[in-house]
């Protein structure tokens, strides 16, 4: 059974930091990543990272502030978020792509709130 579970969301003041974790199990995964969805908006890609450690940040607004990393032994992906801004609040979702078959698996999301 495949499980993808995020943790680490919460309330933080603007300018503060928060670290998200996502543990995936049940498959061998290639790319893992973080998406976010703010109220009334579409889900958007934040960043992805391959099993080889190659990362990509999809949104210019997070470059230099967010860092994605991965521990392959633990099948865990992290998102370190620094200098959080009022536009960052959203539900952050973890996505894991299975190596065989290419199916994408989603977590249930973790809520990030930034207070001004």
C-alpha atoms as a PDB file:
ATOM      1  CA  UNK A   1       0.000   0.000   0.000  1.00  0.00           C
ATOM      2  CA  UNK A   2       1.363   3.371  -1.010  1.00  0.00           C
ATOM      3  CA  UNK A   3       1.425   6.099   1.588  1.00  0.00           C
ATOM      4  CA  UNK A   4       2.457   9.706   1.167  1.00  0.00           C
ATOM      5  CA  UNK A   5       2.278  11.795   4.299  1.00  0.00           C
ATOM      6  CA  UNK A   6       3.216  15.401   4.842  1.00  0.00           C
ATOM      7  CA  UNK A   7       4.054  17.060   8.125  1.00  0.00           C
ATOM      8  CA  UNK A   8       5.407  20.334   9.414  1.00  0.00           C
ATOM      9  CA  UNK A   9       2.795  22.867   8.426  1.00  0.00           C
ATOM     10  CA  UNK A  10       1.560  25.496  10.799  1.00  0.00           C
ATOM     11  CA  UNK A  11       1.403  29.173  11.605  1.00  0.00           C
ATOM     12  CA  UNK A  12       4.428  31.389  11.195  1.00  0.00           C
ATOM     13  CA  UNK A  13       4.999  35.107  11.099  1.00  0.00           C
ATOM     14  CA  UNK A  14       5.941  36.800   7.861  1.00  0.00           C
ATOM     15  CA  UNK A  15       9.674  36.650   7.463  1.00  0.00           C
ATOM     16  CA  UNK A  16       9.868  33.461   9.461  1.00  0.00           C
ATOM     17  CA  UNK A  17      10.769  29.923   8.475  1.00  0.00           C
ATOM     18  CA  UNK A  18       9.028  26.604   8.334  1.00  0.00           C
ATOM     19  CA  UNK A  19      10.185  23.160   7.330  1.00  0.00           C
ATOM     20  CA  UNK A  20       7.924  20.599   5.701  1.00  0.00           C
ATOM     21  CA  UNK A  21       8.569  16.881   5.459  1.00  0.00           C
ATOM     22  CA  UNK A  22       6.980  14.206   3.347  1.00  0.00           C
ATOM     23  CA  UNK A  23       7.503  10.501   3.853  1.00  0.00           C
ATOM     24  CA  UNK A  24       6.513   8.143   1.063  1.00  0.00           C
ATOM     25  CA  UNK A  25       6.354   4.376   1.264  1.00  0.00           C
ATOM     26  CA  UNK A  26       5.128   1.360  -0.631  1.00  0.00           C
ATOM     27  CA  UNK A  27       6.910   2.003  -3.922  1.00  0.00           C
ATOM     28  CA  UNK A  28      10.231   3.037  -5.343  1.00  0.00           C
ATOM     29  CA  UNK A  29       9.917   6.665  -6.288  1.00  0.00           C
ATOM     30  CA  UNK A  30      11.789   8.735  -8.807  1.00  0.00           C
ATOM     31  CA  UNK A  31      10.832  12.389  -8.708  1.00  0.00           C
ATOM     32  CA  UNK A  32       9.249  13.823  -5.598  1.00  0.00           C
ATOM     33  CA  UNK A  33       7.977  17.307  -5.208  1.00  0.00           C
ATOM     34  CA  UNK A  34       5.905  19.925  -3.520  1.00  0.00           C
ATOM     35  CA  UNK A  35       2.842  21.676  -4.837  1.00  0.00           C
ATOM     36  CA  UNK A  36       0.675  24.259  -3.164  1.00  0.00           C
ATOM     37  CA  UNK A  37      -2.865  25.446  -3.485  1.00  0.00           C
ATOM     38  CA  UNK A  38      -4.098  28.717  -2.065  1.00  0.00           C
ATOM     39  CA  UNK A  39      -7.821  29.366  -1.549  1.00  0.00           C
ATOM     40  CA  UNK A  40      -9.531  30.070  -4.834  1.00  0.00           C
ATOM     41  CA  UNK A  41      -6.467  29.234  -6.877  1.00  0.00           C
ATOM     42  CA  UNK A  42      -5.243  26.282  -8.838  1.00  0.00           C
ATOM     43  CA  UNK A  43      -2.682  23.923  -7.445  1.00  0.00           C
ATOM     44  CA  UNK A  44       0.766  25.002  -8.565  1.00  0.00           C
ATOM     45  CA  UNK A  45       4.110  23.309  -8.632  1.00  0.00           C
ATOM     46  CA  UNK A  46       6.615  24.634  -6.131  1.00  0.00           C
ATOM     47  CA  UNK A  47       9.645  22.413  -6.574  1.00  0.00           C
ATOM     48  CA  UNK A  48      10.696  18.929  -7.560  1.00  0.00           C
ATOM     49  CA  UNK A  49      13.722  16.787  -6.923  1.00  0.00           C
ATOM     50  CA  UNK A  50      14.893  13.607  -8.589  1.00  0.00           C
ATOM     51  CA  UNK A  51      16.330  10.567  -6.861  1.00  0.00           C
ATOM     52  CA  UNK A  52      19.708  11.807  -8.067  1.00  0.00           C
ATOM     53  CA  UNK A  53      19.246  15.075  -6.247  1.00  0.00           C
ATOM     54  CA  UNK A  54      18.542  17.348  -9.189  1.00  0.00           C
ATOM     55  CA  UNK A  55      16.114  20.011  -8.074  1.00  0.00           C
ATOM     56  CA  UNK A  56      13.910  22.386  -9.977  1.00  0.00           C
ATOM     57  CA  UNK A  57      11.984  25.368  -8.647  1.00  0.00           C
ATOM     58  CA  UNK A  58       8.983  26.110 -10.760  1.00  0.00           C
ATOM     59  CA  UNK A  59       7.981  29.428  -9.261  1.00  0.00           C
ATOM     60  CA  UNK A  60      10.293  32.422  -9.429  1.00  0.00           C
ATOM     61  CA  UNK A  61       8.676  33.698  -6.275  1.00  0.00           C
ATOM     62  CA  UNK A  62      10.212  30.926  -4.170  1.00  0.00           C
ATOM     63  CA  UNK A  63      13.677  30.803  -5.684  1.00  0.00           C
ATOM     64  CA  UNK A  64      16.245  31.794  -3.142  1.00  0.00           C
ATOM     65  CA  UNK A  65      13.783  31.339  -0.293  1.00  0.00           C
ATOM     66  CA  UNK A  66      12.700  27.707  -0.509  1.00  0.00           C
ATOM     67  CA  UNK A  67      15.002  24.718  -0.626  1.00  0.00           C
ATOM     68  CA  UNK A  68      13.943  21.213  -1.551  1.00  0.00           C
ATOM     69  CA  UNK A  69      15.991  18.261  -0.435  1.00  0.00           C
ATOM     70  CA  UNK A  70      15.635  14.529  -0.204  1.00  0.00           C
ATOM     71  CA  UNK A  71      16.758  11.543   1.806  1.00  0.00           C
ATOM     72  CA  UNK A  72      16.516   8.525  -0.470  1.00  0.00           C
ATOM     73  CA  UNK A  73      17.160   6.051   2.332  1.00  0.00           C
ATOM     74  CA  UNK A  74      14.085   7.355   4.115  1.00  0.00           C
ATOM     75  CA  UNK A  75      12.043   8.076   0.984  1.00  0.00           C
ATOM     76  CA  UNK A  76      11.511  11.503   2.439  1.00  0.00           C
ATOM     77  CA  UNK A  77      11.477  14.879   0.773  1.00  0.00           C
ATOM     78  CA  UNK A  78      11.806  18.172   2.617  1.00  0.00           C
ATOM     79  CA  UNK A  79      10.928  21.753   1.869  1.00  0.00           C
ATOM     80  CA  UNK A  80      12.728  24.400   3.865  1.00  0.00           C
ATOM     81  CA  UNK A  81      10.860  27.663   3.566  1.00  0.00           C
ATOM     82  CA  UNK A  82      12.576  30.846   4.646  1.00  0.00           C
ATOM     83  CA  UNK A  83      11.533  34.484   4.518  1.00  0.00           C
ATOM     84  CA  UNK A  84       7.896  33.508   4.257  1.00  0.00           C
ATOM     85  CA  UNK A  85       5.657  36.079   2.657  1.00  0.00           C
ATOM     86  CA  UNK A  86       1.941  36.830   2.821  1.00  0.00           C
ATOM     87  CA  UNK A  87       1.540  35.209  -0.615  1.00  0.00           C
ATOM     88  CA  UNK A  88       2.928  31.872   0.560  1.00  0.00           C
ATOM     89  CA  UNK A  89      -0.007  30.572   2.627  1.00  0.00           C
ATOM     90  CA  UNK A  90      -1.575  27.513   1.082  1.00  0.00           C
ATOM     91  CA  UNK A  91      -2.101  23.845   1.522  1.00  0.00           C
ATOM     92  CA  UNK A  92       1.187  22.254   0.558  1.00  0.00           C
ATOM     93  CA  UNK A  93       0.949  18.860  -1.097  1.00  0.00           C
ATOM     94  CA  UNK A  94       3.620  16.260  -1.577  1.00  0.00           C
ATOM     95  CA  UNK A  95       3.784  14.317  -4.802  1.00  0.00           C
ATOM     96  CA  UNK A  96       5.757  11.156  -5.436  1.00  0.00           C
ATOM     97  CA  UNK A  97       6.185   9.530  -8.828  1.00  0.00           C
ATOM     98  CA  UNK A  98       6.576   5.774  -8.902  1.00  0.00           C
ATOM     99  CA  UNK A  99       9.615   4.522 -10.759  1.00  0.00           C
ATOM    100  CA  UNK A 100       7.718   1.670 -12.403  1.00  0.00           C
ATOM    101  CA  UNK A 101       4.549   2.735 -14.139  1.00  0.00           C
ATOM    102  CA  UNK A 102       4.982   6.431 -13.493  1.00  0.00           C
ATOM    103  CA  UNK A 103       1.911   6.803 -11.314  1.00  0.00           C
ATOM    104  CA  UNK A 104       1.842   9.950  -9.233  1.00  0.00           C
ATOM    105  CA  UNK A 105       0.794   9.658  -5.613  1.00  0.00           C
ATOM    106  CA  UNK A 106      -0.401  12.543  -3.485  1.00  0.00           C
ATOM    107  CA  UNK A 107      -0.433  13.292   0.171  1.00  0.00           C
ATOM    108  CA  UNK A 108      -3.396  14.895   1.872  1.00  0.00           C
ATOM    109  CA  UNK A 109      -1.615  18.182   2.313  1.00  0.00           C
ATOM    110  CA  UNK A 110      -0.392  20.312   5.167  1.00  0.00           C
ATOM    111  CA  UNK A 111      -1.569  23.844   5.823  1.00  0.00           C
ATOM    112  CA  UNK A 112       0.837  26.754   5.989  1.00  0.00           C
ATOM    113  CA  UNK A 113      -0.410  30.045   7.381  1.00  0.00           C
ATOM    114  CA  UNK A 114       1.643  33.212   7.369  1.00  0.00           C
ATOM    115  CA  UNK A 115       0.628  36.025   9.654  1.00  0.00           C
ATOM    116  CA  UNK A 116       1.580  39.589   8.870  1.00  0.00           C
END
